[in-house]
Amino acid sequence: MALTSDDFRDLMATDPDDDETVPFGDALAELAVDAEMDFVEAVRDVRERI
């Protein structure tokens, strides 16, 4: 999958509610979700279904 600058156009628009003093990477990090997953168990589960 390739991303172009057009894919980020909506993210770069100015929003009056945003604090533009926060760096873009930090703002994205605040929105991130830390999802923990047991990948070994997930693979075993998929194998059992096949």
N, C-alpha and C. Protein backbone atom coordinates (compact mmCIF):
# COMPACT_ATOMS: atom_id res chain seq x y z
N MET A 1 0.84 -1.17 0.00
CA MET A 1 0.00 0.00 0.00
C MET A 1 0.89 1.24 0.00
N ALA A 2 0.58 2.16 -0.84
CA ALA A 2 1.36 3.38 -0.94
C ALA A 2 0.53 4.56 -0.43
N LEU A 3 1.17 5.47 0.24
CA LEU A 3 0.51 6.69 0.71
C LEU A 3 1.11 7.88 -0.02
N THR A 4 0.26 8.79 -0.38
CA THR A 4 0.71 10.01 -1.02
C THR A 4 0.33 11.19 -0.16
N SER A 5 0.80 12.37 -0.52
CA SER A 5 0.46 13.56 0.26
C SER A 5 -1.04 13.83 0.25
N ASP A 6 -1.73 13.39 -0.79
CA ASP A 6 -3.19 13.56 -0.85
C ASP A 6 -3.89 12.79 0.27
N ASP A 7 -3.30 11.69 0.70
CA ASP A 7 -3.91 10.89 1.77
C ASP A 7 -3.91 11.63 3.10
N PHE A 8 -3.04 12.60 3.26
CA PHE A 8 -2.92 13.33 4.52
C PHE A 8 -3.53 14.73 4.46
N ARG A 9 -4.16 15.06 3.35
CA ARG A 9 -4.70 16.41 3.17
C ARG A 9 -5.68 16.77 4.29
N ASP A 10 -6.58 15.87 4.67
CA ASP A 10 -7.55 16.15 5.73
C ASP A 10 -6.87 16.35 7.08
N LEU A 11 -5.78 15.64 7.31
CA LEU A 11 -5.08 15.76 8.58
C LEU A 11 -4.33 17.08 8.71
N MET A 12 -3.94 17.64 7.59
CA MET A 12 -3.13 18.85 7.62
C MET A 12 -3.97 20.14 7.61
N ALA A 13 -5.28 20.01 7.46
CA ALA A 13 -6.13 21.19 7.46
C ALA A 13 -6.11 21.84 8.84
N THR A 14 -6.21 23.14 8.88
CA THR A 14 -6.19 23.88 10.14
C THR A 14 -7.51 23.71 10.87
N ASP A 15 -7.44 23.39 12.13
CA ASP A 15 -8.61 23.24 12.98
C ASP A 15 -8.49 24.23 14.12
N PRO A 16 -9.47 25.12 14.30
CA PRO A 16 -9.35 26.13 15.36
C PRO A 16 -9.32 25.54 16.77
N ASP A 17 -9.77 24.30 16.94
CA ASP A 17 -9.77 23.67 18.26
C ASP A 17 -8.44 23.01 18.60
N ASP A 18 -7.56 22.87 17.60
CA ASP A 18 -6.26 22.22 17.82
C ASP A 18 -5.26 23.17 18.46
N ASP A 19 -4.41 22.59 19.30
CA ASP A 19 -3.29 23.33 19.87
C ASP A 19 -2.10 23.13 18.93
N GLU A 20 -1.83 24.09 18.08
CA GLU A 20 -0.80 23.93 17.06
C GLU A 20 0.62 24.05 17.61
N THR A 21 0.76 24.28 18.91
CA THR A 21 2.09 24.31 19.51
C THR A 21 2.60 22.90 19.78
N VAL A 22 1.70 21.91 19.76
CA VAL A 22 2.09 20.51 19.97
C VAL A 22 2.59 19.96 18.63
N PRO A 23 3.80 19.38 18.60
CA PRO A 23 4.32 18.80 17.36
C PRO A 23 3.38 17.71 16.82
N PHE A 24 3.33 17.60 15.50
CA PHE A 24 2.40 16.68 14.84
C PHE A 24 2.58 15.24 15.33
N GLY A 25 3.81 14.79 15.47
CA GLY A 25 4.06 13.42 15.94
C GLY A 25 3.54 13.20 17.34
N ASP A 26 3.70 14.20 18.22
CA ASP A 26 3.18 14.07 19.59
C ASP A 26 1.66 14.04 19.59
N ALA A 27 1.04 14.85 18.72
CA ALA A 27 -0.42 14.86 18.64
C ALA A 27 -0.93 13.51 18.18
N LEU A 28 -0.24 12.89 17.21
CA LEU A 28 -0.65 11.55 16.77
C LEU A 28 -0.45 10.52 17.87
N ALA A 29 0.62 10.65 18.63
CA ALA A 29 0.89 9.71 19.72
C ALA A 29 -0.20 9.76 20.78
N GLU A 30 -0.77 10.95 20.99
CA GLU A 30 -1.86 11.08 21.97
C GLU A 30 -3.10 10.32 21.52
N LEU A 31 -3.26 10.14 20.21
CA LEU A 31 -4.42 9.44 19.68
C LEU A 31 -4.20 7.93 19.54
N ALA A 32 -2.95 7.51 19.68
CA ALA A 32 -2.61 6.10 19.47
C ALA A 32 -3.22 5.22 20.55
N VAL A 33 -3.50 4.00 20.15
CA VAL A 33 -4.02 3.00 21.07
C VAL A 33 -2.97 1.90 21.20
N ASP A 34 -2.63 1.56 22.41
CA ASP A 34 -1.66 0.50 22.65
C ASP A 34 -2.43 -0.81 22.81
N ALA A 35 -2.45 -1.60 21.76
CA ALA A 35 -3.18 -2.86 21.79
C ALA A 35 -2.19 -4.00 21.97
N GLU A 36 -2.36 -4.72 23.05
CA GLU A 36 -1.49 -5.86 23.30
C GLU A 36 -2.19 -7.12 22.81
N MET A 37 -1.42 -7.96 22.15
CA MET A 37 -2.00 -9.18 21.59
C MET A 37 -0.98 -10.29 21.69
N ASP A 38 -1.46 -11.46 22.01
CA ASP A 38 -0.62 -12.65 22.03
C ASP A 38 -0.64 -13.24 20.63
N PHE A 39 0.39 -12.93 19.84
CA PHE A 39 0.39 -13.33 18.44
C PHE A 39 0.52 -14.83 18.27
N VAL A 40 1.21 -15.48 19.18
CA VAL A 40 1.34 -16.93 19.09
C VAL A 40 -0.03 -17.56 19.27
N GLU A 41 -0.78 -17.09 20.23
CA GLU A 41 -2.13 -17.61 20.46
C GLU A 41 -3.05 -17.29 19.28
N ALA A 42 -2.88 -16.13 18.69
CA ALA A 42 -3.71 -15.76 17.53
C ALA A 42 -3.44 -16.69 16.35
N VAL A 43 -2.16 -17.02 16.12
CA VAL A 43 -1.82 -17.94 15.03
C VAL A 43 -2.38 -19.32 15.32
N ARG A 44 -2.27 -19.78 16.54
CA ARG A 44 -2.82 -21.09 16.91
C ARG A 44 -4.34 -21.12 16.69
N ASP A 45 -5.00 -20.04 17.04
CA ASP A 45 -6.44 -19.96 16.88
C ASP A 45 -6.82 -20.04 15.40
N VAL A 46 -6.09 -19.35 14.55
CA VAL A 46 -6.36 -19.39 13.11
C VAL A 46 -6.12 -20.78 12.56
N ARG A 47 -5.05 -21.42 13.01
CA ARG A 47 -4.74 -22.77 12.53
C ARG A 47 -5.84 -23.75 12.93
N GLU A 48 -6.39 -23.58 14.12
CA GLU A 48 -7.46 -24.47 14.56
C GLU A 48 -8.72 -24.30 13.73
N ARG A 49 -8.94 -23.12 13.24
CA ARG A 49 -10.14 -22.85 12.44
C ARG A 49 -10.04 -23.42 11.03
N ILE A 50 -8.79 -23.59 10.55
CA ILE A 50 -8.61 -24.06 9.18
C ILE A 50 -8.87 -25.53 9.07
